[in-house]
Amino acid sequence: IVTFERESGQFGYDVNNEWNWKHNGG
């Protein structure tokens, strides 16, 4: 994919190993 968007770093695996919003103050 060609895009100028960058990763926000706000998404990933949570403590239940489910891919999700990290809720890290972003």
mmCIF file of all heavy atoms, coordinates in Angstrom:
data_MODEL
# 
_entry.id   MODEL 
# 
loop_
_atom_site.group_PDB 
_atom_site.id 
_atom_site.type_symbol 
_atom_site.label_atom_id 
_atom_site.label_alt_id 
_atom_site.label_comp_id 
_atom_site.label_asym_id 
_atom_site.label_entity_id 
_atom_site.label_seq_id 
_atom_site.pdbx_PDB_ins_code 
_atom_site.Cartn_x 
_atom_site.Cartn_y 
_atom_site.Cartn_z 
_atom_site.occupancy 
_atom_site.B_iso_or_equiv 
_atom_site.pdbx_formal_charge 
_atom_site.auth_seq_id 
_atom_site.auth_comp_id 
_atom_site.auth_asym_id 
_atom_site.auth_atom_id 
_atom_site.pdbx_PDB_model_num 
ATOM 1   N N   . ILE A 1 1  ? 0.862   -1.186  0.000  1.00 0.00 ? 1  ILE A N   1 
ATOM 2   C CA  . ILE A 1 1  ? 0.000   0.000   0.000  1.00 0.00 ? 1  ILE A CA  1 
ATOM 3   C C   . ILE A 1 1  ? 0.892   1.228   0.000  1.00 0.00 ? 1  ILE A C   1 
ATOM 4   O O   . ILE A 1 1  ? 1.853   1.310   0.762  1.00 0.00 ? 1  ILE A O   1 
ATOM 5   C CB  . ILE A 1 1  ? -0.929  0.005   1.223  1.00 0.00 ? 1  ILE A CB  1 
ATOM 6   C CG1 . ILE A 1 1  ? -1.894  -1.182  1.153  1.00 0.00 ? 1  ILE A CG1 1 
ATOM 7   C CG2 . ILE A 1 1  ? -1.679  1.325   1.332  1.00 0.00 ? 1  ILE A CG2 1 
ATOM 8   C CD1 . ILE A 1 1  ? -2.774  -1.345  2.371  1.00 0.00 ? 1  ILE A CD1 1 
ATOM 9   N N   . VAL A 1 2  ? 0.556   2.171   -0.855 1.00 0.00 ? 2  VAL A N   1 
ATOM 10  C CA  . VAL A 1 2  ? 1.281   3.435   -0.913 1.00 0.00 ? 2  VAL A CA  1 
ATOM 11  C C   . VAL A 1 2  ? 0.457   4.479   -0.157 1.00 0.00 ? 2  VAL A C   1 
ATOM 12  O O   . VAL A 1 2  ? -0.680  4.763   -0.530 1.00 0.00 ? 2  VAL A O   1 
ATOM 13  C CB  . VAL A 1 2  ? 1.512   3.892   -2.370 1.00 0.00 ? 2  VAL A CB  1 
ATOM 14  C CG1 . VAL A 1 2  ? 2.245   5.223   -2.407 1.00 0.00 ? 2  VAL A CG1 1 
ATOM 15  C CG2 . VAL A 1 2  ? 2.285   2.825   -3.148 1.00 0.00 ? 2  VAL A CG2 1 
ATOM 16  N N   . THR A 1 3  ? 1.023   5.002   0.917  1.00 0.00 ? 3  THR A N   1 
ATOM 17  C CA  . THR A 1 3  ? 0.329   5.979   1.755  1.00 0.00 ? 3  THR A CA  1 
ATOM 18  C C   . THR A 1 3  ? 1.335   6.849   2.482  1.00 0.00 ? 3  THR A C   1 
ATOM 19  O O   . THR A 1 3  ? 2.461   6.424   2.724  1.00 0.00 ? 3  THR A O   1 
ATOM 20  C CB  . THR A 1 3  ? -0.583  5.271   2.789  1.00 0.00 ? 3  THR A CB  1 
ATOM 21  O OG1 . THR A 1 3  ? -1.261  6.254   3.576  1.00 0.00 ? 3  THR A OG1 1 
ATOM 22  C CG2 . THR A 1 3  ? 0.188   4.337   3.689  1.00 0.00 ? 3  THR A CG2 1 
ATOM 23  N N   . PHE A 1 4  ? 0.915   8.054   2.811  1.00 0.00 ? 4  PHE A N   1 
ATOM 24  C CA  . PHE A 1 4  ? 1.750   8.911   3.648  1.00 0.00 ? 4  PHE A CA  1 
ATOM 25  C C   . PHE A 1 4  ? 1.374   8.771   5.117  1.00 0.00 ? 4  PHE A C   1 
ATOM 26  O O   . PHE A 1 4  ? 1.993   9.385   5.980  1.00 0.00 ? 4  PHE A O   1 
ATOM 27  C CB  . PHE A 1 4  ? 1.657   10.379  3.219  1.00 0.00 ? 4  PHE A CB  1 
ATOM 28  C CG  . PHE A 1 4  ? 2.499   10.687  2.008  1.00 0.00 ? 4  PHE A CG  1 
ATOM 29  C CD1 . PHE A 1 4  ? 1.918   11.146  0.850  1.00 0.00 ? 4  PHE A CD1 1 
ATOM 30  C CD2 . PHE A 1 4  ? 3.872   10.511  2.031  1.00 0.00 ? 4  PHE A CD2 1 
ATOM 31  C CE1 . PHE A 1 4  ? 2.680   11.437  -0.268 1.00 0.00 ? 4  PHE A CE1 1 
ATOM 32  C CE2 . PHE A 1 4  ? 4.649   10.798  0.925  1.00 0.00 ? 4  PHE A CE2 1 
ATOM 33  C CZ  . PHE A 1 4  ? 4.046   11.263  -0.237 1.00 0.00 ? 4  PHE A CZ  1 
ATOM 34  N N   . GLU A 1 5  ? 0.360   7.956   5.419  1.00 0.00 ? 5  GLU A N   1 
ATOM 35  C CA  . GLU A 1 5  ? 0.006   7.736   6.825  1.00 0.00 ? 5  GLU A CA  1 
ATOM 36  C C   . GLU A 1 5  ? 1.135   6.971   7.508  1.00 0.00 ? 5  GLU A C   1 
ATOM 37  O O   . GLU A 1 5  ? 1.814   6.152   6.900  1.00 0.00 ? 5  GLU A O   1 
ATOM 38  C CB  . GLU A 1 5  ? -1.284  6.924   6.947  1.00 0.00 ? 5  GLU A CB  1 
ATOM 39  C CG  . GLU A 1 5  ? -2.512  7.704   6.606  1.00 0.00 ? 5  GLU A CG  1 
ATOM 40  C CD  . GLU A 1 5  ? -3.793  6.934   6.900  1.00 0.00 ? 5  GLU A CD  1 
ATOM 41  O OE1 . GLU A 1 5  ? -3.734  5.800   7.430  1.00 0.00 ? 5  GLU A OE1 1 
ATOM 42  O OE2 . GLU A 1 5  ? -4.855  7.478   6.593  1.00 0.00 ? 5  GLU A OE2 1 
ATOM 43  N N   . ARG A 1 6  ? 1.305   7.249   8.788  1.00 0.00 ? 6  ARG A N   1 
ATOM 44  C CA  . ARG A 1 6  ? 2.300   6.546   9.601  1.00 0.00 ? 6  ARG A CA  1 
ATOM 45  C C   . ARG A 1 6  ? 1.596   5.797   10.715 1.00 0.00 ? 6  ARG A C   1 
ATOM 46  O O   . ARG A 1 6  ? 0.512   6.184   11.140 1.00 0.00 ? 6  ARG A O   1 
ATOM 47  C CB  . ARG A 1 6  ? 3.284   7.542   10.212 1.00 0.00 ? 6  ARG A CB  1 
ATOM 48  C CG  . ARG A 1 6  ? 4.113   8.238   9.177  1.00 0.00 ? 6  ARG A CG  1 
ATOM 49  C CD  . ARG A 1 6  ? 5.027   9.229   9.832  1.00 0.00 ? 6  ARG A CD  1 
ATOM 50  N NE  . ARG A 1 6  ? 5.755   9.940   8.806  1.00 0.00 ? 6  ARG A NE  1 
ATOM 51  C CZ  . ARG A 1 6  ? 7.067   10.073  8.808  1.00 0.00 ? 6  ARG A CZ  1 
ATOM 52  N NH1 . ARG A 1 6  ? 7.777   9.585   9.787  1.00 0.00 ? 6  ARG A NH1 1 
ATOM 53  N NH2 . ARG A 1 6  ? 7.664   10.712  7.832  1.00 0.00 ? 6  ARG A NH2 1 
ATOM 54  N N   . GLU A 1 7  ? 2.244   4.736   11.182 1.00 0.00 ? 7  GLU A N   1 
ATOM 55  C CA  . GLU A 1 7  ? 1.675   3.982   12.309 1.00 0.00 ? 7  GLU A CA  1 
ATOM 56  C C   . GLU A 1 7  ? 1.469   4.914   13.497 1.00 0.00 ? 7  GLU A C   1 
ATOM 57  O O   . GLU A 1 7  ? 2.311   5.749   13.790 1.00 0.00 ? 7  GLU A O   1 
ATOM 58  C CB  . GLU A 1 7  ? 2.624   2.861   12.747 1.00 0.00 ? 7  GLU A CB  1 
ATOM 59  C CG  . GLU A 1 7  ? 2.660   1.696   11.813 1.00 0.00 ? 7  GLU A CG  1 
ATOM 60  C CD  . GLU A 1 7  ? 3.535   0.583   12.360 1.00 0.00 ? 7  GLU A CD  1 
ATOM 61  O OE1 . GLU A 1 7  ? 3.369   0.207   13.538 1.00 0.00 ? 7  GLU A OE1 1 
ATOM 62  O OE2 . GLU A 1 7  ? 4.385   0.099   11.602 1.00 0.00 ? 7  GLU A OE2 1 
ATOM 63  N N   . SER A 1 8  ? 0.348   4.733   14.174 1.00 0.00 ? 8  SER A N   1 
ATOM 64  C CA  . SER A 1 8  ? 0.087   5.541   15.369 1.00 0.00 ? 8  SER A CA  1 
ATOM 65  C C   . SER A 1 8  ? 0.682   4.891   16.607 1.00 0.00 ? 8  SER A C   1 
ATOM 66  O O   . SER A 1 8  ? 0.901   5.547   17.608 1.00 0.00 ? 8  SER A O   1 
ATOM 67  C CB  . SER A 1 8  ? -1.419  5.715   15.574 1.00 0.00 ? 8  SER A CB  1 
ATOM 68  O OG  . SER A 1 8  ? -2.004  4.479   15.968 1.00 0.00 ? 8  SER A OG  1 
ATOM 69  N N   . GLY A 1 9  ? 0.916   3.578   16.527 1.00 0.00 ? 9  GLY A N   1 
ATOM 70  C CA  . GLY A 1 9  ? 1.422   2.865   17.685 1.00 0.00 ? 9  GLY A CA  1 
ATOM 71  C C   . GLY A 1 9  ? 0.360   2.639   18.747 1.00 0.00 ? 9  GLY A C   1 
ATOM 72  O O   . GLY A 1 9  ? 0.652   2.180   19.838 1.00 0.00 ? 9  GLY A O   1 
ATOM 73  N N   . GLN A 1 10 ? -0.879  2.945   18.431 1.00 0.00 ? 10 GLN A N   1 
ATOM 74  C CA  . GLN A 1 10 ? -1.967  2.842   19.398 1.00 0.00 ? 10 GLN A CA  1 
ATOM 75  C C   . GLN A 1 10 ? -2.662  1.482   19.373 1.00 0.00 ? 10 GLN A C   1 
ATOM 76  O O   . GLN A 1 10 ? -3.529  1.224   20.184 1.00 0.00 ? 10 GLN A O   1 
ATOM 77  C CB  . GLN A 1 10 ? -3.013  3.929   19.143 1.00 0.00 ? 10 GLN A CB  1 
ATOM 78  C CG  . GLN A 1 10 ? -2.464  5.317   19.257 1.00 0.00 ? 10 GLN A CG  1 
ATOM 79  C CD  . GLN A 1 10 ? -1.922  5.602   20.643 1.00 0.00 ? 10 GLN A CD  1 
ATOM 80  O OE1 . GLN A 1 10 ? -2.530  5.284   21.639 1.00 0.00 ? 10 GLN A OE1 1 
ATOM 81  N NE2 . GLN A 1 10 ? -0.747  6.191   20.700 1.00 0.00 ? 10 GLN A NE2 1 
ATOM 82  N N   . PHE A 1 11 ? -2.308  0.650   18.425 1.00 0.00 ? 11 PHE A N   1 
ATOM 83  C CA  . PHE A 1 11 ? -2.980  -0.626  18.299 1.00 0.00 ? 11 PHE A CA  1 
ATOM 84  C C   . PHE A 1 11 ? -1.996  -1.769  18.425 1.00 0.00 ? 11 PHE A C   1 
ATOM 85  O O   . PHE A 1 11 ? -0.867  -1.676  17.994 1.00 0.00 ? 11 PHE A O   1 
ATOM 86  C CB  . PHE A 1 11 ? -3.720  -0.694  16.961 1.00 0.00 ? 11 PHE A CB  1 
ATOM 87  C CG  . PHE A 1 11 ? -4.776  0.347   16.866 1.00 0.00 ? 11 PHE A CG  1 
ATOM 88  C CD1 . PHE A 1 11 ? -4.487  1.618   16.408 1.00 0.00 ? 11 PHE A CD1 1 
ATOM 89  C CD2 . PHE A 1 11 ? -6.060  0.084   17.291 1.00 0.00 ? 11 PHE A CD2 1 
ATOM 90  C CE1 . PHE A 1 11 ? -5.449  2.603   16.361 1.00 0.00 ? 11 PHE A CE1 1 
ATOM 91  C CE2 . PHE A 1 11 ? -7.028  1.059   17.252 1.00 0.00 ? 11 PHE A CE2 1 
ATOM 92  C CZ  . PHE A 1 11 ? -6.723  2.323   16.786 1.00 0.00 ? 11 PHE A CZ  1 
ATOM 93  N N   . GLY A 1 12 ? -2.430  -2.854  19.036 1.00 0.00 ? 12 GLY A N   1 
ATOM 94  C CA  . GLY A 1 12 ? -1.577  -4.010  19.221 1.00 0.00 ? 12 GLY A CA  1 
ATOM 95  C C   . GLY A 1 12 ? -2.299  -5.061  20.025 1.00 0.00 ? 12 GLY A C   1 
ATOM 96  O O   . GLY A 1 12 ? -3.514  -5.003  20.198 1.00 0.00 ? 12 GLY A O   1 
ATOM 97  N N   . TYR A 1 13 ? -1.560  -6.011  20.537 1.00 0.00 ? 13 TYR A N   1 
ATOM 98  C CA  . TYR A 1 13 ? -2.164  -7.085  21.322 1.00 0.00 ? 13 TYR A CA  1 
ATOM 99  C C   . TYR A 1 13 ? -2.292  -6.655  22.778 1.00 0.00 ? 13 TYR A C   1 
ATOM 100 O O   . TYR A 1 13 ? -1.375  -6.107  23.356 1.00 0.00 ? 13 TYR A O   1 
ATOM 101 C CB  . TYR A 1 13 ? -1.333  -8.360  21.212 1.00 0.00 ? 13 TYR A CB  1 
ATOM 102 C CG  . TYR A 1 13 ? -1.436  -8.967  19.836 1.00 0.00 ? 13 TYR A CG  1 
ATOM 103 C CD1 . TYR A 1 13 ? -0.501  -8.664  18.858 1.00 0.00 ? 13 TYR A CD1 1 
ATOM 104 C CD2 . TYR A 1 13 ? -2.490  -9.806  19.512 1.00 0.00 ? 13 TYR A CD2 1 
ATOM 105 C CE1 . TYR A 1 13 ? -0.612  -9.198  17.588 1.00 0.00 ? 13 TYR A CE1 1 
ATOM 106 C CE2 . TYR A 1 13 ? -2.605  -10.343 18.244 1.00 0.00 ? 13 TYR A CE2 1 
ATOM 107 C CZ  . TYR A 1 13 ? -1.665  -10.043 17.293 1.00 0.00 ? 13 TYR A CZ  1 
ATOM 108 O OH  . TYR A 1 13 ? -1.775  -10.558 16.040 1.00 0.00 ? 13 TYR A OH  1 
ATOM 109 N N   . ASP A 1 14 ? -3.459  -6.929  23.363 1.00 0.00 ? 14 ASP A N   1 
ATOM 110 C CA  . ASP A 1 14 ? -3.675  -6.573  24.763 1.00 0.00 ? 14 ASP A CA  1 
ATOM 111 C C   . ASP A 1 14 ? -3.304  -7.743  25.671 1.00 0.00 ? 14 ASP A C   1 
ATOM 112 O O   . ASP A 1 14 ? -2.789  -8.765  25.204 1.00 0.00 ? 14 ASP A O   1 
ATOM 113 C CB  . ASP A 1 14 ? -5.112  -6.089  25.005 1.00 0.00 ? 14 ASP A CB  1 
ATOM 114 C CG  . ASP A 1 14 ? -6.166  -7.172  24.764 1.00 0.00 ? 14 ASP A CG  1 
ATOM 115 O OD1 . ASP A 1 14 ? -5.814  -8.375  24.716 1.00 0.00 ? 14 ASP A OD1 1 
ATOM 116 O OD2 . ASP A 1 14 ? -7.342  -6.822  24.634 1.00 0.00 ? 14 ASP A OD2 1 
ATOM 117 N N   . VAL A 1 15 ? -3.571  -7.630  26.962 1.00 0.00 ? 15 VAL A N   1 
ATOM 118 C CA  . VAL A 1 15 ? -3.187  -8.659  27.929 1.00 0.00 ? 15 VAL A CA  1 
ATOM 119 C C   . VAL A 1 15 ? -3.890  -9.993  27.687 1.00 0.00 ? 15 VAL A C   1 
ATOM 120 O O   . VAL A 1 15 ? -3.407  -11.029 28.105 1.00 0.00 ? 15 VAL A O   1 
ATOM 121 C CB  . VAL A 1 15 ? -3.438  -8.191  29.386 1.00 0.00 ? 15 VAL A CB  1 
ATOM 122 C CG1 . VAL A 1 15 ? -2.528  -7.044  29.730 1.00 0.00 ? 15 VAL A CG1 1 
ATOM 123 C CG2 . VAL A 1 15 ? -4.891  -7.821  29.607 1.00 0.00 ? 15 VAL A CG2 1 
ATOM 124 N N   . ASN A 1 16 ? -5.019  -9.970  26.991 1.00 0.00 ? 16 ASN A N   1 
ATOM 125 C CA  . ASN A 1 16 ? -5.735  -11.206 26.654 1.00 0.00 ? 16 ASN A CA  1 
ATOM 126 C C   . ASN A 1 16 ? -5.318  -11.754 25.292 1.00 0.00 ? 16 ASN A C   1 
ATOM 127 O O   . ASN A 1 16 ? -5.956  -12.636 24.746 1.00 0.00 ? 16 ASN A O   1 
ATOM 128 C CB  . ASN A 1 16 ? -7.251  -10.962 26.657 1.00 0.00 ? 16 ASN A CB  1 
ATOM 129 C CG  . ASN A 1 16 ? -7.733  -10.564 28.022 1.00 0.00 ? 16 ASN A CG  1 
ATOM 130 O OD1 . ASN A 1 16 ? -7.295  -11.112 29.032 1.00 0.00 ? 16 ASN A OD1 1 
ATOM 131 N ND2 . ASN A 1 16 ? -8.632  -9.592  28.068 1.00 0.00 ? 16 ASN A ND2 1 
ATOM 132 N N   . ASN A 1 17 ? -4.234  -11.188 24.753 1.00 0.00 ? 17 ASN A N   1 
ATOM 133 C CA  . ASN A 1 17 ? -3.722  -11.574 23.438 1.00 0.00 ? 17 ASN A CA  1 
ATOM 134 C C   . ASN A 1 17 ? -4.739  -11.335 22.326 1.00 0.00 ? 17 ASN A C   1 
ATOM 135 O O   . ASN A 1 17 ? -4.768  -12.038 21.333 1.00 0.00 ? 17 ASN A O   1 
ATOM 136 C CB  . ASN A 1 17 ? -3.235  -13.021 23.428 1.00 0.00 ? 17 ASN A CB  1 
ATOM 137 C CG  . ASN A 1 17 ? -2.152  -13.228 22.374 1.00 0.00 ? 17 ASN A CG  1 
ATOM 138 O OD1 . ASN A 1 17 ? -1.422  -12.312 22.031 1.00 0.00 ? 17 ASN A OD1 1 
ATOM 139 N ND2 . ASN A 1 17 ? -2.063  -14.433 21.861 1.00 0.00 ? 17 ASN A ND2 1 
ATOM 140 N N   . GLU A 1 18 ? -5.590  -10.330 22.514 1.00 0.00 ? 18 GLU A N   1 
ATOM 141 C CA  . GLU A 1 18 ? -6.545  -9.939  21.492 1.00 0.00 ? 18 GLU A CA  1 
ATOM 142 C C   . GLU A 1 18 ? -6.058  -8.639  20.873 1.00 0.00 ? 18 GLU A C   1 
ATOM 143 O O   . GLU A 1 18 ? -5.631  -7.731  21.570 1.00 0.00 ? 18 GLU A O   1 
ATOM 144 C CB  . GLU A 1 18 ? -7.934  -9.741  22.096 1.00 0.00 ? 18 GLU A CB  1 
ATOM 145 C CG  . GLU A 1 18 ? -8.546  -11.028 22.590 1.00 0.00 ? 18 GLU A CG  1 
ATOM 146 C CD  . GLU A 1 18 ? -9.929  -10.807 23.166 1.00 0.00 ? 18 GLU A CD  1 
ATOM 147 O OE1 . GLU A 1 18 ? -10.556 -9.777  22.863 1.00 0.00 ? 18 GLU A OE1 1 
ATOM 148 O OE2 . GLU A 1 18 ? -10.378 -11.676 23.912 1.00 0.00 ? 18 GLU A OE2 1 
ATOM 149 N N   . TRP A 1 19 ? -6.161  -8.547  19.546 1.00 0.00 ? 19 TRP A N   1 
ATOM 150 C CA  . TRP A 1 19 ? -5.684  -7.358  18.861 1.00 0.00 ? 19 TRP A CA  1 
ATOM 151 C C   . TRP A 1 19 ? -6.687  -6.241  19.090 1.00 0.00 ? 19 TRP A C   1 
ATOM 152 O O   . TRP A 1 19 ? -7.870  -6.399  18.853 1.00 0.00 ? 19 TRP A O   1 
ATOM 153 C CB  . TRP A 1 19 ? -5.515  -7.643  17.389 1.00 0.00 ? 19 TRP A CB  1 
ATOM 154 C CG  . TRP A 1 19 ? -4.660  -6.649  16.744 1.00 0.00 ? 19 TRP A CG  1 
ATOM 155 C CD1 . TRP A 1 19 ? -3.315  -6.559  16.827 1.00 0.00 ? 19 TRP A CD1 1 
ATOM 156 C CD2 . TRP A 1 19 ? -5.075  -5.582  15.920 1.00 0.00 ? 19 TRP A CD2 1 
ATOM 157 N NE1 . TRP A 1 19 ? -2.867  -5.506  16.101 1.00 0.00 ? 19 TRP A NE1 1 
ATOM 158 C CE2 . TRP A 1 19 ? -3.922  -4.885  15.523 1.00 0.00 ? 19 TRP A CE2 1 
ATOM 159 C CE3 . TRP A 1 19 ? -6.296  -5.140  15.461 1.00 0.00 ? 19 TRP A CE3 1 
ATOM 160 C CZ2 . TRP A 1 19 ? -3.968  -3.778  14.699 1.00 0.00 ? 19 TRP A CZ2 1 
ATOM 161 C CZ3 . TRP A 1 19 ? -6.343  -4.044  14.642 1.00 0.00 ? 19 TRP A CZ3 1 
ATOM 162 C CH2 . TRP A 1 19 ? -5.181  -3.372  14.270 1.00 0.00 ? 19 TRP A CH2 1 
ATOM 163 N N   . ASN A 1 20 ? -6.193  -5.082  19.576 1.00 0.00 ? 20 ASN A N   1 
ATOM 164 C CA  . ASN A 1 20 ? -7.104  -4.123  20.143 1.00 0.00 ? 20 ASN A CA  1 
ATOM 165 C C   . ASN A 1 20 ? -6.435  -2.774  20.352 1.00 0.00 ? 20 ASN A C   1 
ATOM 166 O O   . ASN A 1 20 ? -5.235  -2.631  20.237 1.00 0.00 ? 20 ASN A O   1 
ATOM 167 C CB  . ASN A 1 20 ? -7.519  -4.765  21.469 1.00 0.00 ? 20 ASN A CB  1 
ATOM 168 C CG  . ASN A 1 20 ? -8.603  -4.141  22.223 1.00 0.00 ? 20 ASN A CG  1 
ATOM 169 O OD1 . ASN A 1 20 ? -8.737  -2.941  22.239 1.00 0.00 ? 20 ASN A OD1 1 
ATOM 170 N ND2 . ASN A 1 20 ? -9.375  -4.976  22.868 1.00 0.00 ? 20 ASN A ND2 1 
ATOM 171 N N   . TRP A 1 21 ? -7.230  -1.793  20.727 1.00 0.00 ? 21 TRP A N   1 
ATOM 172 C CA  . TRP A 1 21 ? -6.755  -0.458  21.130 1.00 0.00 ? 21 TRP A CA  1 
ATOM 173 C C   . TRP A 1 21 ? -5.954  -0.602  22.410 1.00 0.00 ? 21 TRP A C   1 
ATOM 174 O O   . TRP A 1 21 ? -6.408  -1.223  23.361 1.00 0.00 ? 21 TRP A O   1 
ATOM 175 C CB  . TRP A 1 21 ? -7.966  0.437   21.334 1.00 0.00 ? 21 TRP A CB  1 
ATOM 176 C CG  . TRP A 1 21 ? -7.706  1.786   21.914 1.00 0.00 ? 21 TRP A CG  1 
ATOM 177 C CD1 . TRP A 1 21 ? -8.071  2.207   23.145 1.00 0.00 ? 21 TRP A CD1 1 
ATOM 178 C CD2 . TRP A 1 21 ? -7.056  2.887   21.300 1.00 0.00 ? 21 TRP A CD2 1 
ATOM 179 N NE1 . TRP A 1 21 ? -7.685  3.495   23.329 1.00 0.00 ? 21 TRP A NE1 1 
ATOM 180 C CE2 . TRP A 1 21 ? -7.058  3.938   22.217 1.00 0.00 ? 21 TRP A CE2 1 
ATOM 181 C CE3 . TRP A 1 21 ? -6.454  3.074   20.060 1.00 0.00 ? 21 TRP A CE3 1 
ATOM 182 C CZ2 . TRP A 1 21 ? -6.497  5.173   21.940 1.00 0.00 ? 21 TRP A CZ2 1 
ATOM 183 C CZ3 . TRP A 1 21 ? -5.906  4.311   19.791 1.00 0.00 ? 21 TRP A CZ3 1 
ATOM 184 C CH2 . TRP A 1 21 ? -5.930  5.334   20.710 1.00 0.00 ? 21 TRP A CH2 1 
ATOM 185 N N   . LYS A 1 22 ? -4.770  -0.046  22.472 1.00 0.00 ? 22 LYS A N   1 
ATOM 186 C CA  . LYS A 1 22 ? -3.894  -0.229  23.627 1.00 0.00 ? 22 LYS A CA  1 
ATOM 187 C C   . LYS A 1 22 ? -4.278  0.608   24.839 1.00 0.00 ? 22 LYS A C   1 
ATOM 188 O O   . LYS A 1 22 ? -3.818  0.341   25.936 1.00 0.00 ? 22 LYS A O   1 
ATOM 189 C CB  . LYS A 1 22 ? -2.453  0.106   23.249 1.00 0.00 ? 22 LYS A CB  1 
ATOM 190 C CG  . LYS A 1 22 ? -1.770  -0.935  22.420 1.00 0.00 ? 22 LYS A CG  1 
ATOM 191 C CD  . LYS A 1 22 ? -0.328  -0.514  22.223 1.00 0.00 ? 22 LYS A CD  1 
ATOM 192 C CE  . LYS A 1 22 ? 0.430   -1.476  21.381 1.00 0.00 ? 22 LYS A CE  1 
ATOM 193 N NZ  . LYS A 1 22 ? 1.791   -1.034  21.161 1.00 0.00 ? 22 LYS A NZ  1 
ATOM 194 N N   . HIS A 1 23 ? -5.074  1.648   24.655 1.00 0.00 ? 23 HIS A N   1 
ATOM 195 C CA  . HIS A 1 23 ? -5.445  2.542   25.763 1.00 0.00 ? 23 HIS A CA  1 
ATOM 196 C C   . HIS A 1 23 ? -4.213  3.083   26.476 1.00 0.00 ? 23 HIS A C   1 
ATOM 197 O O   . HIS A 1 23 ? -4.127  3.069   27.680 1.00 0.00 ? 23 HIS A O   1 
ATOM 198 C CB  . HIS A 1 23 ? -6.353  1.833   26.777 1.00 0.00 ? 23 HIS A CB  1 
ATOM 199 C CG  . HIS A 1 23 ? -7.635  1.381   26.200 1.00 0.00 ? 23 HIS A CG  1 
ATOM 200 N ND1 . HIS A 1 23 ? -8.636  2.247   25.860 1.00 0.00 ? 23 HIS A ND1 1 
ATOM 201 C CD2 . HIS A 1 23 ? -8.074  0.151   25.868 1.00 0.00 ? 23 HIS A CD2 1 
ATOM 202 C CE1 . HIS A 1 23 ? -9.653  1.563   25.352 1.00 0.00 ? 23 HIS A CE1 1 
ATOM 203 N NE2 . HIS A 1 23 ? -9.331  0.302   25.341 1.00 0.00 ? 23 HIS A NE2 1 
ATOM 204 N N   . ASN A 1 24 ? -3.245  3.528   25.688 1.00 0.00 ? 24 ASN A N   1 
ATOM 205 C CA  . ASN A 1 24 ? -2.003  3.995   26.309 1.00 0.00 ? 24 ASN A CA  1 
ATOM 206 C C   . ASN A 1 24 ? -1.910  5.520   26.346 1.00 0.00 ? 24 ASN A C   1 
ATOM 207 O O   . ASN A 1 24 ? -0.837  6.086   26.322 1.00 0.00 ? 24 ASN A O   1 
ATOM 208 C CB  . ASN A 1 24 ? -0.780  3.399   25.615 1.00 0.00 ? 24 ASN A CB  1 
ATOM 209 C CG  . ASN A 1 24 ? -0.669  3.845   24.173 1.00 0.00 ? 24 ASN A CG  1 
ATOM 210 O OD1 . ASN A 1 24 ? -1.483  4.600   23.679 1.00 0.00 ? 24 ASN A OD1 1 
ATOM 211 N ND2 . ASN A 1 24 ? 0.347   3.364   23.491 1.00 0.00 ? 24 ASN A ND2 1 
ATOM 212 N N   . GLY A 1 25 ? -3.044  6.171   26.426 1.00 0.00 ? 25 GLY A N   1 
ATOM 213 C CA  . GLY A 1 25 ? -3.047  7.623   26.522 1.00 0.00 ? 25 GLY A CA  1 
ATOM 214 C C   . GLY A 1 25 ? -2.940  8.327   25.186 1.00 0.00 ? 25 GLY A C   1 
ATOM 215 O O   . GLY A 1 25 ? -2.744  9.530   25.133 1.00 0.00 ? 25 GLY A O   1 
ATOM 216 N N   . GLY A 1 26 ? -3.105  7.577   24.116 1.00 0.00 ? 26 GLY A N   1 
ATOM 217 C CA  . GLY A 1 26 ? -2.998  8.168   22.785 1.00 0.00 ? 26 GLY A CA  1 
ATOM 218 C C   . GLY A 1 26 ? -4.252  8.931   22.407 1.00 0.00 ? 26 GLY A C   1 
ATOM 219 O O   . GLY A 1 26 ? -5.150  9.117   23.211 1.00 0.00 ? 26 GLY A O   1 
# 
